[in-house]
C-alpha atoms as a PDB file:
ATOM      1  CA  MET A   1     130.571 111.785 200.634  1.00  0.00           C
ATOM      2  CA  ASP A   2     129.122 109.413 198.051  1.00  0.00           C
ATOM      3  CA  LEU A   3     131.966 106.906 198.509  1.00  0.00           C
ATOM      4  CA  ILE A   4     131.356 106.871 202.264  1.00  0.00           C
ATOM      5  CA  PHE A   5     127.635 106.330 201.691  1.00  0.00           C
ATOM      6  CA  GLN A   6     128.347 103.561 199.167  1.00  0.00           C
ATOM      7  CA  ILE A   7     130.189 101.634 201.870  1.00  0.00           C
ATOM      8  CA  CYS A   8     128.463 102.698 205.113  1.00  0.00           C
ATOM      9  CA  GLY A   9     124.995 103.208 203.659  1.00  0.00           C
ATOM     10  CA  THR A  10     123.122 106.433 203.018  1.00  0.00           C
ATOM     11  CA  PRO A  11     121.926 107.863 206.343  1.00  0.00           C
ATOM     12  CA  THR A  12     118.205 108.163 206.920  1.00  0.00           C
ATOM     13  CA  GLU A  13     116.126 109.777 209.649  1.00  0.00           C
ATOM     14  CA  GLN A  14     115.937 106.322 211.281  1.00  0.00           C
ATOM     15  CA  THR A  15     119.714 105.771 211.303  1.00  0.00           C
ATOM     16  CA  MET A  16     120.720 109.391 211.978  1.00  0.00           C
ATOM     17  CA  PRO A  17     117.914 111.572 213.321  1.00  0.00           C
ATOM     18  CA  GLY A  18     118.094 115.142 212.039  1.00  0.00           C
ATOM     19  CA  ILE A  19     120.092 114.325 208.893  1.00  0.00           C
ATOM     20  CA  GLU A  20     117.308 115.476 206.556  1.00  0.00           C
ATOM     21  CA  LYS A  21     117.579 118.997 208.039  1.00  0.00           C
ATOM     22  CA  GLN A  22     121.310 119.307 207.316  1.00  0.00           C
ATOM     23  CA  ARG A  23     121.957 121.615 204.349  1.00  0.00           C
ATOM     24  CA  LEU A  24     124.974 119.650 203.100  1.00  0.00           C
ATOM     25  CA  PHE A  25     122.921 116.451 203.115  1.00  0.00           C
ATOM     26  CA  GLN A  26     120.045 118.216 201.341  1.00  0.00           C
ATOM     27  CA  ASP A  27     122.503 119.397 198.664  1.00  0.00           C
ATOM     28  CA  TYR A  28     123.870 115.860 198.327  1.00  0.00           C
ATOM     29  CA  ARG A  29     120.380 114.365 197.956  1.00  0.00           C
ATOM     30  CA  ALA A  30     119.470 116.974 195.334  1.00  0.00           C
ATOM     31  CA  MET A  31     122.407 115.781 193.205  1.00  0.00           C
ATOM     32  CA  ASN A  32     122.185 112.064 194.023  1.00  0.00           C
ATOM     33  CA  SER A  33     118.916 110.262 194.663  1.00  0.00           C
ATOM     34  CA  THR A  34     120.507 106.822 195.110  1.00  0.00           C
ATOM     35  CA  VAL A  35     120.061 105.364 198.582  1.00  0.00           C
ATOM     36  CA  HIS A  36     122.909 102.964 199.313  1.00  0.00           C
ATOM     37  CA  SER A  37     122.585 100.007 201.659  1.00  0.00           C
ATOM     38  CA  ASN A  38     125.287  99.303 204.246  1.00  0.00           C
ATOM     39  CA  LYS A  39     128.070  97.224 202.660  1.00  0.00           C
ATOM     40  CA  LEU A  40     130.614  97.810 205.425  1.00  0.00           C
ATOM     41  CA  GLU A  41     130.714  94.234 206.749  1.00  0.00           C
ATOM     42  CA  GLU A  42     131.125  92.799 203.238  1.00  0.00           C
ATOM     43  CA  THR A  43     133.864  95.317 202.368  1.00  0.00           C
ATOM     44  CA  ILE A  44     135.785  94.831 205.614  1.00  0.00           C
ATOM     45  CA  SER A  45     135.528  91.038 205.505  1.00  0.00           C
ATOM     46  CA  LYS A  46     136.934  90.916 201.973  1.00  0.00           C
ATOM     47  CA  GLN A  47     139.845  93.196 202.860  1.00  0.00           C
ATOM     48  CA  ILE A  48     140.702  91.337 206.059  1.00  0.00           C
ATOM     49  CA  GLU A  49     140.601  87.953 204.370  1.00  0.00           C
ATOM     50  CA  LYS A  50     142.824  89.218 201.531  1.00  0.00           C
ATOM     51  CA  SER A  51     145.429  90.915 203.685  1.00  0.00           C
ATOM     52  CA  HIS A  52     145.614  88.857 206.890  1.00  0.00           C
ATOM     53  CA  ASN A  53     146.339  85.264 207.708  1.00  0.00           C
ATOM     54  CA  LEU A  54     143.912  84.794 210.585  1.00  0.00           C
ATOM     55  CA  ASP A  55     144.975  82.351 213.320  1.00  0.00           C
ATOM     56  CA  GLY A  56     142.917  80.940 216.161  1.00  0.00           C
ATOM     57  CA  ASN A  57     139.223  81.550 215.591  1.00  0.00           C
ATOM     58  CA  PRO A  58     138.906  83.461 212.304  1.00  0.00           C
ATOM     59  CA  ASP A  59     135.139  83.848 212.649  1.00  0.00           C
ATOM     60  CA  ASN A  60     135.508  85.461 216.060  1.00  0.00           C
ATOM     61  CA  GLU A  61     138.418  87.631 214.898  1.00  0.00           C
ATOM     62  CA  LEU A  62     136.433  88.832 211.887  1.00  0.00           C
ATOM     63  CA  ARG A  63     133.392  89.495 214.046  1.00  0.00           C
ATOM     64  CA  LEU A  64     135.455  91.556 216.510  1.00  0.00           C
ATOM     65  CA  TRP A  65     137.262  93.431 213.697  1.00  0.00           C
ATOM     66  CA  PHE A  66     133.987  94.274 212.033  1.00  0.00           C
ATOM     67  CA  ASP A  67     132.351  95.316 215.295  1.00  0.00           C
ATOM     68  CA  LEU A  68     135.235  97.624 216.214  1.00  0.00           C
ATOM     69  CA  ILE A  69     135.639  99.159 212.766  1.00  0.00           C
ATOM     70  CA  SER A  70     131.914  99.639 212.240  1.00  0.00           C
ATOM     71  CA  LYS A  71     131.687 101.488 215.563  1.00  0.00           C
ATOM     72  CA  LEU A  72     134.688 103.679 214.678  1.00  0.00           C
ATOM     73  CA  VAL A  73     133.356 104.724 211.265  1.00  0.00           C
ATOM     74  CA  CYS A  74     129.712 105.066 212.272  1.00  0.00           C
ATOM     75  CA  ILE A  75     128.223 107.937 210.275  1.00  0.00           C
ATOM     76  CA  ASP A  76     126.190 109.178 213.249  1.00  0.00           C
ATOM     77  CA  HIS A  77     128.738 110.998 215.406  1.00  0.00           C
ATOM     78  CA  ARG A  78     126.558 110.486 218.484  1.00  0.00           C
ATOM     79  CA  ALA A  79     126.929 106.700 218.203  1.00  0.00           C
ATOM     80  CA  ARG A  80     130.601 106.659 217.103  1.00  0.00           C
ATOM     81  CA  LEU A  81     133.181 105.243 219.530  1.00  0.00           C
ATOM     82  CA  THR A  82     135.625 107.603 221.173  1.00  0.00           C
ATOM     83  CA  ALA A  83     139.315 106.626 221.172  1.00  0.00           C
ATOM     84  CA  GLU A  84     139.053 105.791 224.866  1.00  0.00           C
ATOM     85  CA  LYS A  85     136.036 103.521 224.355  1.00  0.00           C
ATOM     86  CA  ALA A  86     137.680 101.923 221.307  1.00  0.00           C
ATOM     87  CA  LEU A  87     140.638 100.839 223.458  1.00  0.00           C
ATOM     88  CA  GLU A  88     138.181  99.078 225.786  1.00  0.00           C
ATOM     89  CA  HIS A  89     136.748  97.045 222.894  1.00  0.00           C
ATOM     90  CA  PRO A  90     136.984  93.216 223.210  1.00  0.00           C
ATOM     91  CA  PHE A  91     139.097  93.125 220.029  1.00  0.00           C
ATOM     92  CA  PHE A  92     142.053  94.285 222.117  1.00  0.00           C
ATOM     93  CA  ALA A  93     141.589  91.391 224.567  1.00  0.00           C
ATOM     94  CA  GLU A  94     142.170  88.785 221.825  1.00  0.00           C
ATOM     95  CA  THR A  95     145.488  87.013 221.489  1.00  0.00           C
ATOM     96  CA  PRO A  96     148.066  88.107 220.713  1.00  0.00           C
ATOM     97  CA  LEU A  97     147.648  90.733 223.386  1.00  0.00           C
ATOM     98  CA  PRO A  98     149.241  94.158 222.950  1.00  0.00           C
ATOM     99  CA  CYS A  99     152.343  94.679 225.055  1.00  0.00           C
ATOM    100  CA  GLU A 100     154.427  97.610 226.183  1.00  0.00           C
ATOM    101  CA  ASN A 101     157.580  98.533 224.277  1.00  0.00           C
ATOM    102  CA  ASN A 102     160.727  98.065 226.353  1.00  0.00           C
END
């Protein structure tokens, strides 16, 4: 859980209402008082830049990657994208477009 919080940020009542009432979160906070800020964009950007040769508009591609990934790994399950909604994300409208296998 701590690794997730180190990257996505420690949830608070403002970012995930009701979290303070969750026993598992209370146990976590009793053992770890560090509140982590969200480092997801920084982490994703570094990994994408290292592992991909971005063509076209790299800034737009990075922005769309980050937007999609951040919505998929959102700690608050109520705000997290479903698989169906993820497939409707603008990232999948960027070139090269996905195509059907023949």
